[in-house]
Structures are given as C-alpha cells and as structure tokens.
C-alpha cells in the first residue's frame, strides 16, 4: 500500500525489548477520488509505525511535511481491531511553487 500524506504528529523514538528503534506516528491524507462515476473529496487520519533505521529517519522529519509512505496494514495492537500502516519505505515530497 502506498499513501501520500502529511506527517501529522510523531511520538518519541523508542526501542523494542530487542533494542530495535521504533516510532509511532500519525498520517493525515486528503485527496479527490472517483466513486460511482463522481468525484469525492476524502480525508482521513491513519496510525503508522516504522522500525529499524527507517524509524530513525522518520524521527528527523518535521510534522507538517508531505511524505509518501509504502508498507502494509496490520492490527495496531496484537489484540485490537484498529489498523496501522507499517511503513517499509518513505520519501519526502518536495512541494514546488508554480510561477513567482
């Protein structure tokens, strides 16, 4: 799954019992999608998590930055029903101003 989103917030870098860096963060997505032949504006927030060196990299990204995240959905907590995007890759999206 790939999602373009704004880094809404991020927790502090933490470490698993095995010493692996981990970071929990929130993504905010807004876009226009086509559903049943009509355009629809959609917006949602999604919990996300990154592990290892990727967690350290995302920990350096300022909230508000536009990023593209790729990964997979899984339960946020082992016994819960909510999901989180487990990020395997991310890129900062550079916004350019058109014109002046």
C-alpha atoms as a PDB file:
ATOM      1  CA  UNK A   1       0.000   0.000   0.000  1.00  0.00           C
ATOM      2  CA  UNK A   2       1.279   3.467  -0.877  1.00  0.00           C
ATOM      3  CA  UNK A   3      -0.137   6.630   0.686  1.00  0.00           C
ATOM      4  CA  UNK A   4       0.634  10.304   0.120  1.00  0.00           C
ATOM      5  CA  UNK A   5       0.038  12.121   3.383  1.00  0.00           C
ATOM      6  CA  UNK A   6       1.144  14.831   5.777  1.00  0.00           C
ATOM      7  CA  UNK A   7       3.119  13.793   8.835  1.00  0.00           C
ATOM      8  CA  UNK A   8       0.567  14.967  11.374  1.00  0.00           C
ATOM      9  CA  UNK A   9       2.423  14.025  14.555  1.00  0.00           C
ATOM     10  CA  UNK A  10       5.055  11.639  15.797  1.00  0.00           C
ATOM     11  CA  UNK A  11       5.955  10.148  19.117  1.00  0.00           C
ATOM     12  CA  UNK A  12       9.409   9.926  20.598  1.00  0.00           C
ATOM     13  CA  UNK A  13      11.811   7.388  19.176  1.00  0.00           C
ATOM     14  CA  UNK A  14      11.637   4.299  21.381  1.00  0.00           C
ATOM     15  CA  UNK A  15      13.294   0.912  21.395  1.00  0.00           C
ATOM     16  CA  UNK A  16      11.769  -2.568  21.428  1.00  0.00           C
ATOM     17  CA  UNK A  17      12.914  -5.047  24.106  1.00  0.00           C
ATOM     18  CA  UNK A  18      15.299  -6.395  21.437  1.00  0.00           C
ATOM     19  CA  UNK A  19      16.828  -2.918  21.036  1.00  0.00           C
ATOM     20  CA  UNK A  20      15.270  -2.152  17.635  1.00  0.00           C
ATOM     21  CA  UNK A  21      14.350   1.531  17.095  1.00  0.00           C
ATOM     22  CA  UNK A  22      10.585   2.071  16.744  1.00  0.00           C
ATOM     23  CA  UNK A  23       8.498   5.137  16.001  1.00  0.00           C
ATOM     24  CA  UNK A  24       4.731   5.599  16.192  1.00  0.00           C
ATOM     25  CA  UNK A  25       3.291   8.459  14.146  1.00  0.00           C
ATOM     26  CA  UNK A  26       0.068   9.749  12.621  1.00  0.00           C
ATOM     27  CA  UNK A  27      -0.549  10.475   8.944  1.00  0.00           C
ATOM     28  CA  UNK A  28      -3.225  12.793   7.525  1.00  0.00           C
ATOM     29  CA  UNK A  29      -4.376  12.112   3.956  1.00  0.00           C
ATOM     30  CA  UNK A  30      -6.530  14.338   1.719  1.00  0.00           C
ATOM     31  CA  UNK A  31      -7.370  13.693  -1.910  1.00  0.00           C
ATOM     32  CA  UNK A  32     -10.108  13.583  -4.525  1.00  0.00           C
ATOM     33  CA  UNK A  33     -11.240  10.116  -5.582  1.00  0.00           C
ATOM     34  CA  UNK A  34     -13.764   8.882  -8.117  1.00  0.00           C
ATOM     35  CA  UNK A  35     -16.566   6.753  -6.704  1.00  0.00           C
ATOM     36  CA  UNK A  36     -19.564   5.565  -8.745  1.00  0.00           C
ATOM     37  CA  UNK A  37     -18.579   7.989 -11.514  1.00  0.00           C
ATOM     38  CA  UNK A  38     -18.486  11.085  -9.279  1.00  0.00           C
ATOM     39  CA  UNK A  39     -15.588  12.905  -7.674  1.00  0.00           C
ATOM     40  CA  UNK A  40     -15.472  12.766  -3.912  1.00  0.00           C
ATOM     41  CA  UNK A  41     -13.147  14.615  -1.541  1.00  0.00           C
ATOM     42  CA  UNK A  42     -11.756  12.257   1.065  1.00  0.00           C
ATOM     43  CA  UNK A  43      -9.771  12.907   4.220  1.00  0.00           C
ATOM     44  CA  UNK A  44      -8.619  10.556   6.947  1.00  0.00           C
ATOM     45  CA  UNK A  45      -6.016  10.062   9.628  1.00  0.00           C
ATOM     46  CA  UNK A  46      -4.079   6.827   9.923  1.00  0.00           C
ATOM     47  CA  UNK A  47      -1.803   5.486  12.622  1.00  0.00           C
ATOM     48  CA  UNK A  48       1.609   4.372  11.361  1.00  0.00           C
ATOM     49  CA  UNK A  49       4.713   2.674  12.728  1.00  0.00           C
ATOM     50  CA  UNK A  50       8.281   2.322  11.467  1.00  0.00           C
ATOM     51  CA  UNK A  51      11.045   0.078  12.779  1.00  0.00           C
ATOM     52  CA  UNK A  52      14.815  -0.039  12.466  1.00  0.00           C
ATOM     53  CA  UNK A  53      16.828   2.560  10.533  1.00  0.00           C
ATOM     54  CA  UNK A  54      13.634   3.856   8.902  1.00  0.00           C
ATOM     55  CA  UNK A  55      12.278   4.813  12.348  1.00  0.00           C
ATOM     56  CA  UNK A  56      15.374   6.954  12.934  1.00  0.00           C
ATOM     57  CA  UNK A  57      14.945   8.679   9.550  1.00  0.00           C
ATOM     58  CA  UNK A  58      11.273   9.499  10.092  1.00  0.00           C
ATOM     59  CA  UNK A  59      12.074  10.756  13.606  1.00  0.00           C
ATOM     60  CA  UNK A  60      14.090  13.537  11.898  1.00  0.00           C
ATOM     61  CA  UNK A  61      11.150  14.650   9.713  1.00  0.00           C
ATOM     62  CA  UNK A  62       9.253  17.682  10.986  1.00  0.00           C
ATOM     63  CA  UNK A  63       5.492  17.341  11.495  1.00  0.00           C
ATOM     64  CA  UNK A  64       3.659  19.006   8.628  1.00  0.00           C
ATOM     65  CA  UNK A  65       5.962  17.542   5.977  1.00  0.00           C
ATOM     66  CA  UNK A  66       4.361  15.854   2.973  1.00  0.00           C
ATOM     67  CA  UNK A  67       5.573  12.270   2.611  1.00  0.00           C
ATOM     68  CA  UNK A  68       4.844   9.187   0.531  1.00  0.00           C
ATOM     69  CA  UNK A  69       4.782   6.010   2.615  1.00  0.00           C
ATOM     70  CA  UNK A  70       4.731   2.422   1.390  1.00  0.00           C
ATOM     71  CA  UNK A  71       4.087  -0.583   3.569  1.00  0.00           C
ATOM     72  CA  UNK A  72       1.322  -2.863   4.768  1.00  0.00           C
ATOM     73  CA  UNK A  73      -1.704  -2.657   7.026  1.00  0.00           C
ATOM     74  CA  UNK A  74      -1.813  -4.721  10.192  1.00  0.00           C
ATOM     75  CA  UNK A  75      -3.504  -4.556  13.564  1.00  0.00           C
ATOM     76  CA  UNK A  76      -2.203  -1.656  15.597  1.00  0.00           C
ATOM     77  CA  UNK A  77      -2.131  -3.782  18.735  1.00  0.00           C
ATOM     78  CA  UNK A  78      -1.969  -7.559  18.812  1.00  0.00           C
ATOM     79  CA  UNK A  79      -5.426  -7.922  20.392  1.00  0.00           C
ATOM     80  CA  UNK A  80      -7.071  -4.820  18.889  1.00  0.00           C
ATOM     81  CA  UNK A  81      -9.211  -4.242  15.833  1.00  0.00           C
ATOM     82  CA  UNK A  82      -7.758  -0.896  14.678  1.00  0.00           C
ATOM     83  CA  UNK A  83      -5.108  -0.888  11.961  1.00  0.00           C
ATOM     84  CA  UNK A  84      -1.811   0.898  11.418  1.00  0.00           C
ATOM     85  CA  UNK A  85       0.325   1.348   8.337  1.00  0.00           C
ATOM     86  CA  UNK A  86       3.626  -0.474   8.938  1.00  0.00           C
ATOM     87  CA  UNK A  87       5.958   1.636   6.816  1.00  0.00           C
ATOM     88  CA  UNK A  88       8.736  -0.087   4.855  1.00  0.00           C
ATOM     89  CA  UNK A  89       9.692   2.899   2.657  1.00  0.00           C
ATOM     90  CA  UNK A  90       9.098   6.637   2.655  1.00  0.00           C
ATOM     91  CA  UNK A  91      10.069   9.687   0.624  1.00  0.00           C
ATOM     92  CA  UNK A  92       9.744  13.362   1.396  1.00  0.00           C
ATOM     93  CA  UNK A  93       7.548  15.027  -1.207  1.00  0.00           C
ATOM     94  CA  UNK A  94       9.090  18.318  -2.248  1.00  0.00           C
ATOM     95  CA  UNK A  95       6.450  20.927  -2.995  1.00  0.00           C
ATOM     96  CA  UNK A  96       7.338  23.471  -5.625  1.00  0.00           C
ATOM     97  CA  UNK A  97       5.631  26.790  -6.167  1.00  0.00           C
ATOM     98  CA  UNK A  98       4.475  27.370  -9.725  1.00  0.00           C
ATOM     99  CA  UNK A  99       5.042  30.905 -11.063  1.00  0.00           C
ATOM    100  CA  UNK A 100       6.618  33.527  -8.762  1.00  0.00           C
END
